[in-house]
Amino acid sequence: MIRVAAQECRDLWIAGRGPVLVFGFSVLLSAMTYLAATNRAMNFLEQREAVNLTVQVGLAVGVLLTVVVSADAISGERERGTFEGLLLTPVPRRGIVVGKLVAASTMWVACLLVTLPYVWVLGRGVAGAGQAALLLFTVGTLVAVGLSGIALVVSGITNSVKTSLASGLLLLLVLFAPTQLPALPRTGVGDAITRINPIGSALHYIAQILVNRRGWTHDLSYLASPVATVVVAVGILIVAGPRLVRLTAGSR
């Protein structure tokens, strides 16, 4: 597993597109932070709300990039014809999928490291700046690893990068769309949808702490969905790993 993860990290960060994706992420975050700090149209944001906005954008885009990397992890190698060499390595099939998950998760770690300075700049003098960093690390990691695992499963059962990538982006669109309805958690059905949605529940939990200044344990039940997503995704990868790691998806 360690050998596969190390090789995948080299392919992503030395010979791959990892630095380019992180650079684009930093440019986007810089523009958003500049607008939040200087633009008159956004000056109505209270400092805690600006920090919360930065955390949510960092989480959303960081998870998106992590899912993109995971969607290419297996189907991409099949399509490029490089998967056979990986199968010849003396590593168990489950070790291969777990190693790929670890390598894909480094994209989230990179996005997290890029986001933290912006959170500190916007949150200087606010007690919530430290909370924001810790929330981004804990809650964001749960969401990123869980959805990355799901994208990796989809990548394992398809032969086309376009199919796995489109499936991952569609999943993110379905999960992110309800978060743009501000009044959703205020209704009974809306609250249930928010709790089921790992992204919606994570963003709601973060906002309650940063903006409404509630304690970490007050709305802890909202983290049930992100935790369950991680457990289910990693469980599927471990159980179905040998079937996912094949030269052709669905072959016996």
C-alpha atoms as a PDB file:
ATOM      1  CA  MET A   1       0.000   0.000   0.000  1.00  0.00           C
ATOM      2  CA  ILE A   2       2.780   2.435   0.953  1.00  0.00           C
ATOM      3  CA  ARG A   3       4.637   1.659  -2.270  1.00  0.00           C
ATOM      4  CA  VAL A   4       1.541   2.311  -4.377  1.00  0.00           C
ATOM      5  CA  ALA A   5       0.686   5.496  -2.487  1.00  0.00           C
ATOM      6  CA  ALA A   6       4.248   6.805  -2.911  1.00  0.00           C
ATOM      7  CA  GLN A   7       4.245   6.072  -6.643  1.00  0.00           C
ATOM      8  CA  GLU A   8       0.814   7.639  -7.111  1.00  0.00           C
ATOM      9  CA  CYS A   9       1.931  10.756  -5.226  1.00  0.00           C
ATOM     10  CA  ARG A  10       4.989  11.068  -7.466  1.00  0.00           C
ATOM     11  CA  ASP A  11       2.806  10.721 -10.544  1.00  0.00           C
ATOM     12  CA  LEU A  12       0.389  13.343  -9.218  1.00  0.00           C
ATOM     13  CA  TRP A  13       2.782  15.938  -7.821  1.00  0.00           C
ATOM     14  CA  ILE A  14       5.960  15.553  -9.864  1.00  0.00           C
ATOM     15  CA  ALA A  15       4.886  14.325 -13.285  1.00  0.00           C
ATOM     16  CA  GLY A  16       1.164  15.024 -13.021  1.00  0.00           C
ATOM     17  CA  ARG A  17      -1.311  17.869 -12.860  1.00  0.00           C
ATOM     18  CA  GLY A  18      -1.396  18.306  -9.071  1.00  0.00           C
ATOM     19  CA  PRO A  19       0.635  21.568  -8.928  1.00  0.00           C
ATOM     20  CA  VAL A  20      -1.433  23.073 -11.763  1.00  0.00           C
ATOM     21  CA  LEU A  21      -4.718  22.275 -10.009  1.00  0.00           C
ATOM     22  CA  VAL A  22      -3.479  23.702  -6.712  1.00  0.00           C
ATOM     23  CA  PHE A  23      -2.225  26.852  -8.454  1.00  0.00           C
ATOM     24  CA  GLY A  24      -5.631  27.379 -10.064  1.00  0.00           C
ATOM     25  CA  PHE A  25      -7.264  26.768  -6.680  1.00  0.00           C
ATOM     26  CA  SER A  26      -5.026  29.386  -5.030  1.00  0.00           C
ATOM     27  CA  VAL A  27      -5.855  31.956  -7.733  1.00  0.00           C
ATOM     28  CA  LEU A  28      -9.592  31.375  -7.224  1.00  0.00           C
ATOM     29  CA  LEU A  29      -9.271  31.613  -3.458  1.00  0.00           C
ATOM     30  CA  SER A  30      -7.139  34.769  -3.720  1.00  0.00           C
ATOM     31  CA  ALA A  31      -9.751  36.481  -5.885  1.00  0.00           C
ATOM     32  CA  MET A  32     -12.579  35.499  -3.547  1.00  0.00           C
ATOM     33  CA  THR A  33     -10.662  36.610  -0.449  1.00  0.00           C
ATOM     34  CA  TYR A  34      -9.778  39.947  -2.047  1.00  0.00           C
ATOM     35  CA  LEU A  35     -13.405  40.594  -2.906  1.00  0.00           C
ATOM     36  CA  ALA A  36     -14.564  39.601   0.570  1.00  0.00           C
ATOM     37  CA  ALA A  37     -12.049  41.978   2.161  1.00  0.00           C
ATOM     38  CA  THR A  38     -12.279  45.017  -0.135  1.00  0.00           C
ATOM     39  CA  ASN A  39     -15.329  44.941  -2.378  1.00  0.00           C
ATOM     40  CA  ARG A  40     -18.096  47.290  -1.256  1.00  0.00           C
ATOM     41  CA  ALA A  41     -20.793  44.919  -2.400  1.00  0.00           C
ATOM     42  CA  MET A  42     -19.459  42.294   0.011  1.00  0.00           C
ATOM     43  CA  ASN A  43     -18.523  44.573   2.889  1.00  0.00           C
ATOM     44  CA  PHE A  44     -21.858  43.819   4.547  1.00  0.00           C
ATOM     45  CA  LEU A  45     -20.398  40.453   5.537  1.00  0.00           C
ATOM     46  CA  GLU A  46     -19.533  40.283   9.200  1.00  0.00           C
ATOM     47  CA  GLN A  47     -15.997  39.060   9.779  1.00  0.00           C
ATOM     48  CA  ARG A  48     -17.148  35.649  10.962  1.00  0.00           C
ATOM     49  CA  GLU A  49     -19.343  35.297   7.893  1.00  0.00           C
ATOM     50  CA  ALA A  50     -16.386  36.141   5.651  1.00  0.00           C
ATOM     51  CA  VAL A  51     -14.326  33.454   7.369  1.00  0.00           C
ATOM     52  CA  ASN A  52     -17.208  30.988   6.997  1.00  0.00           C
ATOM     53  CA  LEU A  53     -17.505  31.835   3.292  1.00  0.00           C
ATOM     54  CA  THR A  54     -13.788  31.202   2.785  1.00  0.00           C
ATOM     55  CA  VAL A  55     -13.986  27.881   4.617  1.00  0.00           C
ATOM     56  CA  GLN A  56     -16.975  26.768   2.565  1.00  0.00           C
ATOM     57  CA  VAL A  57     -15.356  27.733  -0.755  1.00  0.00           C
ATOM     58  CA  GLY A  58     -12.113  26.025   0.273  1.00  0.00           C
ATOM     59  CA  LEU A  59     -14.005  22.879   1.256  1.00  0.00           C
ATOM     60  CA  ALA A  60     -16.154  22.833  -1.884  1.00  0.00           C
ATOM     61  CA  VAL A  61     -13.357  23.359  -4.404  1.00  0.00           C
ATOM     62  CA  GLY A  62     -10.914  21.159  -2.481  1.00  0.00           C
ATOM     63  CA  VAL A  63     -13.400  18.279  -2.481  1.00  0.00           C
ATOM     64  CA  LEU A  64     -14.075  18.876  -6.189  1.00  0.00           C
ATOM     65  CA  LEU A  65     -10.382  18.577  -7.074  1.00  0.00           C
ATOM     66  CA  THR A  66      -9.998  15.488  -4.895  1.00  0.00           C
ATOM     67  CA  VAL A  67     -12.940  13.808  -6.629  1.00  0.00           C
ATOM     68  CA  VAL A  68     -11.464  14.694 -10.047  1.00  0.00           C
ATOM     69  CA  VAL A  69      -8.172  13.001  -9.120  1.00  0.00           C
ATOM     70  CA  SER A  70      -9.974   9.930  -7.745  1.00  0.00           C
ATOM     71  CA  ALA A  71     -12.180   9.611 -10.828  1.00  0.00           C
ATOM     72  CA  ASP A  72      -9.053   9.226 -12.954  1.00  0.00           C
ATOM     73  CA  ALA A  73      -7.263   6.826 -10.606  1.00  0.00           C
ATOM     74  CA  ILE A  74      -8.310   3.461 -12.077  1.00  0.00           C
ATOM     75  CA  SER A  75     -10.283   4.116 -15.266  1.00  0.00           C
ATOM     76  CA  GLY A  76      -7.584   6.537 -16.390  1.00  0.00           C
ATOM     77  CA  GLU A  77      -4.888   3.879 -16.121  1.00  0.00           C
ATOM     78  CA  ARG A  78      -7.063   1.432 -18.034  1.00  0.00           C
ATOM     79  CA  GLU A  79      -7.613   3.987 -20.776  1.00  0.00           C
ATOM     80  CA  ARG A  80      -3.911   4.905 -20.991  1.00  0.00           C
ATOM     81  CA  GLY A  81      -2.805   1.264 -20.947  1.00  0.00           C
ATOM     82  CA  THR A  82      -0.638   1.619 -17.829  1.00  0.00           C
ATOM     83  CA  PHE A  83      -2.722  -0.532 -15.504  1.00  0.00           C
ATOM     84  CA  GLU A  84      -1.054  -3.823 -16.395  1.00  0.00           C
ATOM     85  CA  GLY A  85       2.287  -2.637 -15.013  1.00  0.00           C
ATOM     86  CA  LEU A  86       0.629  -1.686 -11.728  1.00  0.00           C
ATOM     87  CA  LEU A  87      -0.974  -5.116 -11.405  1.00  0.00           C
ATOM     88  CA  LEU A  88       2.459  -6.734 -11.722  1.00  0.00           C
ATOM     89  CA  THR A  89       3.705  -5.029  -8.562  1.00  0.00           C
ATOM     90  CA  PRO A  90       3.869  -7.354  -5.513  1.00  0.00           C
ATOM     91  CA  VAL A  91       1.068  -5.532  -3.710  1.00  0.00           C
ATOM     92  CA  PRO A  92      -2.367  -6.962  -2.755  1.00  0.00           C
ATOM     93  CA  ARG A  93      -5.276  -5.654  -4.795  1.00  0.00           C
ATOM     94  CA  ARG A  94      -6.783  -4.057  -1.708  1.00  0.00           C
ATOM     95  CA  GLY A  95      -3.458  -2.345  -1.064  1.00  0.00           C
ATOM     96  CA  ILE A  96      -3.616  -0.844  -4.557  1.00  0.00           C
ATOM     97  CA  VAL A  97      -7.040   0.773  -4.073  1.00  0.00           C
ATOM     98  CA  VAL A  98      -6.197   2.001  -0.569  1.00  0.00           C
ATOM     99  CA  GLY A  99      -2.891   3.402  -1.840  1.00  0.00           C
ATOM    100  CA  LYS A 100      -4.732   5.251  -4.605  1.00  0.00           C
ATOM    101  CA  LEU A 101      -7.190   6.656  -2.067  1.00  0.00           C
ATOM    102  CA  VAL A 102      -4.323   7.904   0.096  1.00  0.00           C
ATOM    103  CA  ALA A 103      -2.635   9.510  -2.906  1.00  0.00           C
ATOM    104  CA  ALA A 104      -5.865  11.200  -4.042  1.00  0.00           C
ATOM    105  CA  SER A 105      -6.390  12.513  -0.507  1.00  0.00           C
ATOM    106  CA  THR A 106      -3.101  14.415  -0.743  1.00  0.00           C
ATOM    107  CA  MET A 107      -4.900  16.762  -3.135  1.00  0.00           C
ATOM    108  CA  TRP A 108      -7.244  17.674  -0.292  1.00  0.00           C
ATOM    109  CA  VAL A 109      -4.269  18.154   2.055  1.00  0.00           C
ATOM    110  CA  ALA A 110      -2.687  20.544  -0.454  1.00  0.00           C
ATOM    111  CA  CYS A 111      -5.931  22.534  -0.810  1.00  0.00           C
ATOM    112  CA  LEU A 112      -6.237  22.629   2.979  1.00  0.00           C
ATOM    113  CA  LEU A 113      -2.727  24.053   3.364  1.00  0.00           C
ATOM    114  CA  VAL A 114      -3.484  26.690   0.728  1.00  0.00           C
ATOM    115  CA  THR A 115      -6.769  27.704   2.399  1.00  0.00           C
ATOM    116  CA  LEU A 116      -5.468  28.104   5.962  1.00  0.00           C
ATOM    117  CA  PRO A 117      -3.497  31.360   5.356  1.00  0.00           C
ATOM    118  CA  TYR A 118      -6.579  32.977   3.802  1.00  0.00           C
ATOM    119  CA  VAL A 119      -8.677  31.956   6.792  1.00  0.00           C
ATOM    120  CA  TRP A 120      -6.075  33.491   9.096  1.00  0.00           C
ATOM    121  CA  VAL A 121      -5.942  36.763   7.111  1.00  0.00           C
ATOM    122  CA  LEU A 122      -9.731  37.210   7.123  1.00  0.00           C
ATOM    123  CA  GLY A 123     -10.100  36.024  10.717  1.00  0.00           C
ATOM    124  CA  ARG A 124      -7.374  38.041  12.421  1.00  0.00           C
ATOM    125  CA  GLY A 125      -8.633  39.296  15.738  1.00  0.00           C
ATOM    126  CA  VAL A 126     -11.602  36.943  15.664  1.00  0.00           C
ATOM    127  CA  ALA A 127     -11.751  34.033  18.071  1.00  0.00           C
ATOM    128  CA  GLY A 128     -13.320  31.913  15.344  1.00  0.00           C
ATOM    129  CA  ALA A 129     -10.214  31.900  13.125  1.00  0.00           C
ATOM    130  CA  GLY A 130      -8.651  28.997  15.014  1.00  0.00           C
ATOM    131  CA  GLN A 131     -11.978  27.193  15.074  1.00  0.00           C
ATOM    132  CA  ALA A 132     -12.325  27.692  11.330  1.00  0.00           C
ATOM    133  CA  ALA A 133      -8.948  26.089  10.674  1.00  0.00           C
ATOM    134  CA  LEU A 134      -9.741  23.117  12.911  1.00  0.00           C
ATOM    135  CA  LEU A 135     -13.203  22.690  11.383  1.00  0.00           C
ATOM    136  CA  LEU A 136     -11.778  22.791   7.887  1.00  0.00           C
ATOM    137  CA  PHE A 137      -9.275  20.104   8.829  1.00  0.00           C
ATOM    138  CA  THR A 138     -11.652  17.725  10.612  1.00  0.00           C
ATOM    139  CA  VAL A 139     -14.965  18.151   8.787  1.00  0.00           C
ATOM    140  CA  GLY A 140     -13.398  18.843   5.401  1.00  0.00           C
ATOM    141  CA  THR A 141     -11.224  15.751   5.631  1.00  0.00           C
ATOM    142  CA  LEU A 142     -14.256  13.577   6.367  1.00  0.00           C
ATOM    143  CA  VAL A 143     -16.121  14.891   3.320  1.00  0.00           C
ATOM    144  CA  ALA A 144     -13.090  14.750   1.024  1.00  0.00           C
ATOM    145  CA  VAL A 145     -12.108  11.187   1.945  1.00  0.00           C
ATOM    146  CA  GLY A 146     -15.705   9.924   1.776  1.00  0.00           C
ATOM    147  CA  LEU A 147     -16.519  11.381  -1.644  1.00  0.00           C
ATOM    148  CA  SER A 148     -13.059  10.524  -2.947  1.00  0.00           C
ATOM    149  CA  GLY A 149     -13.699   6.911  -1.981  1.00  0.00           C
ATOM    150  CA  ILE A 150     -17.020   6.917  -3.848  1.00  0.00           C
ATOM    151  CA  ALA A 151     -15.346   8.413  -6.933  1.00  0.00           C
ATOM    152  CA  LEU A 152     -12.665   5.724  -6.732  1.00  0.00           C
ATOM    153  CA  VAL A 153     -15.323   2.998  -6.650  1.00  0.00           C
ATOM    154  CA  VAL A 154     -16.971   4.496  -9.750  1.00  0.00           C
ATOM    155  CA  SER A 155     -13.558   4.709 -11.423  1.00  0.00           C
ATOM    156  CA  GLY A 156     -13.030   1.021 -10.693  1.00  0.00           C
ATOM    157  CA  ILE A 157     -16.269  -0.106 -12.350  1.00  0.00           C
ATOM    158  CA  THR A 158     -15.834   1.919 -15.550  1.00  0.00           C
ATOM    159  CA  ASN A 159     -13.334   1.805 -18.402  1.00  0.00           C
ATOM    160  CA  SER A 160     -13.679   5.445 -19.448  1.00  0.00           C
ATOM    161  CA  VAL A 161     -12.299   8.506 -17.681  1.00  0.00           C
ATOM    162  CA  LYS A 162     -15.116  10.581 -19.161  1.00  0.00           C
ATOM    163  CA  THR A 163     -17.715   8.293 -17.608  1.00  0.00           C
ATOM    164  CA  SER A 164     -16.138   8.222 -14.148  1.00  0.00           C
ATOM    165  CA  LEU A 165     -15.418  11.948 -14.192  1.00  0.00           C
ATOM    166  CA  ALA A 166     -18.946  12.803 -15.346  1.00  0.00           C
ATOM    167  CA  SER A 167     -20.381  10.542 -12.633  1.00  0.00           C
ATOM    168  CA  GLY A 168     -18.263  12.213  -9.957  1.00  0.00           C
ATOM    169  CA  LEU A 169     -19.190  15.723 -11.086  1.00  0.00           C
ATOM    170  CA  LEU A 170     -22.866  14.777 -11.280  1.00  0.00           C
ATOM    171  CA  LEU A 171     -22.703  13.447  -7.724  1.00  0.00           C
ATOM    172  CA  LEU A 172     -21.135  16.691  -6.502  1.00  0.00           C
ATOM    173  CA  LEU A 173     -23.743  18.755  -8.356  1.00  0.00           C
ATOM    174  CA  VAL A 174     -26.569  16.786  -6.748  1.00  0.00           C
ATOM    175  CA  LEU A 175     -25.019  17.192  -3.296  1.00  0.00           C
ATOM    176  CA  PHE A 176     -24.088  20.871  -3.651  1.00  0.00           C
ATOM    177  CA  ALA A 177     -27.361  22.079  -5.176  1.00  0.00           C
ATOM    178  CA  PRO A 178     -29.428  21.848  -1.942  1.00  0.00           C
ATOM    179  CA  THR A 179     -26.786  23.863  -0.044  1.00  0.00           C
ATOM    180  CA  GLN A 180     -27.702  26.907  -2.150  1.00  0.00           C
ATOM    181  CA  LEU A 181     -31.186  26.989  -0.597  1.00  0.00           C
ATOM    182  CA  PRO A 182     -30.663  29.032   2.617  1.00  0.00           C
ATOM    183  CA  ALA A 183     -34.065  28.205   4.127  1.00  0.00           C
ATOM    184  CA  LEU A 184     -33.763  24.463   3.553  1.00  0.00           C
ATOM    185  CA  PRO A 185     -32.640  23.423   7.082  1.00  0.00           C
ATOM    186  CA  ARG A 186     -35.468  25.465   8.654  1.00  0.00           C
ATOM    187  CA  THR A 187     -38.177  23.040   7.528  1.00  0.00           C
ATOM    188  CA  GLY A 188     -38.677  19.482   8.704  1.00  0.00           C
ATOM    189  CA  VAL A 189     -38.151  17.921   5.277  1.00  0.00           C
ATOM    190  CA  GLY A 190     -35.336  20.351   4.529  1.00  0.00           C
ATOM    191  CA  ASP A 191     -33.543  19.464   7.741  1.00  0.00           C
ATOM    192  CA  ALA A 192     -33.801  15.761   6.889  1.00  0.00           C
ATOM    193  CA  ILE A 193     -32.343  16.399   3.420  1.00  0.00           C
ATOM    194  CA  THR A 194     -29.525  18.433   4.972  1.00  0.00           C
ATOM    195  CA  ARG A 195     -28.690  15.692   7.446  1.00  0.00           C
ATOM    196  CA  ILE A 196     -28.621  12.999   4.745  1.00  0.00           C
ATOM    197  CA  ASN A 197     -26.439  15.081   2.434  1.00  0.00           C
ATOM    198  CA  PRO A 198     -22.779  14.772   3.589  1.00  0.00           C
ATOM    199  CA  ILE A 199     -21.823  18.128   2.054  1.00  0.00           C
ATOM    200  CA  GLY A 200     -24.941  19.962   3.217  1.00  0.00           C
ATOM    201  CA  SER A 201     -24.673  18.641   6.766  1.00  0.00           C
ATOM    202  CA  ALA A 202     -20.951  19.479   6.918  1.00  0.00           C
ATOM    203  CA  LEU A 203     -21.451  23.067   5.717  1.00  0.00           C
ATOM    204  CA  HIS A 204     -24.404  23.533   8.084  1.00  0.00           C
ATOM    205  CA  TYR A 205     -22.374  22.254  11.024  1.00  0.00           C
ATOM    206  CA  ILE A 206     -19.494  24.599  10.201  1.00  0.00           C
ATOM    207  CA  ALA A 207     -21.802  27.616   9.814  1.00  0.00           C
ATOM    208  CA  GLN A 208     -23.484  26.940  13.149  1.00  0.00           C
ATOM    209  CA  ILE A 209     -20.131  27.114  14.937  1.00  0.00           C
ATOM    210  CA  LEU A 210     -18.493  29.968  13.019  1.00  0.00           C
ATOM    211  CA  VAL A 211     -21.477  32.269  12.434  1.00  0.00           C
ATOM    212  CA  ASN A 212     -23.967  31.374  15.172  1.00  0.00           C
ATOM    213  CA  ARG A 213     -21.214  30.683  17.745  1.00  0.00           C
ATOM    214  CA  ARG A 214     -22.616  27.388  18.953  1.00  0.00           C
ATOM    215  CA  GLY A 215     -20.557  24.757  20.716  1.00  0.00           C
ATOM    216  CA  TRP A 216     -18.923  21.889  18.880  1.00  0.00           C
ATOM    217  CA  THR A 217     -21.235  19.345  20.495  1.00  0.00           C
ATOM    218  CA  HIS A 218     -24.487  21.281  19.963  1.00  0.00           C
ATOM    219  CA  ASP A 219     -25.118  20.080  16.389  1.00  0.00           C
ATOM    220  CA  LEU A 220     -22.760  17.116  16.402  1.00  0.00           C
ATOM    221  CA  SER A 221     -25.437  14.859  14.918  1.00  0.00           C
ATOM    222  CA  TYR A 222     -24.983  16.651  11.586  1.00  0.00           C
ATOM    223  CA  LEU A 223     -21.625  14.889  11.218  1.00  0.00           C
ATOM    224  CA  ALA A 224     -23.311  11.481  11.083  1.00  0.00           C
ATOM    225  CA  SER A 225     -23.662  11.645   7.294  1.00  0.00           C
ATOM    226  CA  PRO A 226     -19.996  12.564   6.539  1.00  0.00           C
ATOM    227  CA  VAL A 227     -18.783   9.852   8.928  1.00  0.00           C
ATOM    228  CA  ALA A 228     -21.137   7.276   7.404  1.00  0.00           C
ATOM    229  CA  THR A 229     -19.943   8.226   3.905  1.00  0.00           C
ATOM    230  CA  VAL A 230     -16.330   7.569   4.887  1.00  0.00           C
ATOM    231  CA  VAL A 231     -17.170   4.229   6.525  1.00  0.00           C
ATOM    232  CA  VAL A 232     -19.271   3.023   3.579  1.00  0.00           C
ATOM    233  CA  ALA A 233     -16.845   4.195   0.884  1.00  0.00           C
ATOM    234  CA  VAL A 234     -13.728   2.774   2.559  1.00  0.00           C
ATOM    235  CA  GLY A 235     -15.605  -0.435   3.400  1.00  0.00           C
ATOM    236  CA  ILE A 236     -16.606  -0.944  -0.230  1.00  0.00           C
ATOM    237  CA  LEU A 237     -13.038  -0.310  -1.379  1.00  0.00           C
ATOM    238  CA  ILE A 238     -11.647  -2.877   1.045  1.00  0.00           C
ATOM    239  CA  VAL A 239     -14.289  -5.539   0.390  1.00  0.00           C
ATOM    240  CA  ALA A 240     -14.564  -5.077  -3.375  1.00  0.00           C
ATOM    241  CA  GLY A 241     -10.942  -4.073  -3.971  1.00  0.00           C
ATOM    242  CA  PRO A 242      -9.949  -7.266  -5.838  1.00  0.00           C
ATOM    243  CA  ARG A 243     -12.914  -6.883  -8.196  1.00  0.00           C
ATOM    244  CA  LEU A 244     -12.262  -3.199  -8.844  1.00  0.00           C
ATOM    245  CA  VAL A 245      -8.584  -3.644  -9.678  1.00  0.00           C
ATOM    246  CA  ARG A 246      -8.848  -5.472 -13.029  1.00  0.00           C
ATOM    247  CA  LEU A 247      -7.586  -4.757 -16.516  1.00  0.00           C
ATOM    248  CA  THR A 248     -11.160  -4.439 -17.762  1.00  0.00           C
ATOM    249  CA  ALA A 249     -14.077  -3.308 -15.628  1.00  0.00           C
ATOM    250  CA  GLY A 250     -16.579  -6.075 -15.011  1.00  0.00           C
ATOM    251  CA  SER A 251     -14.353  -8.876 -16.306  1.00  0.00           C
ATOM    252  CA  ARG A 252     -14.104 -12.151 -14.458  1.00  0.00           C
END
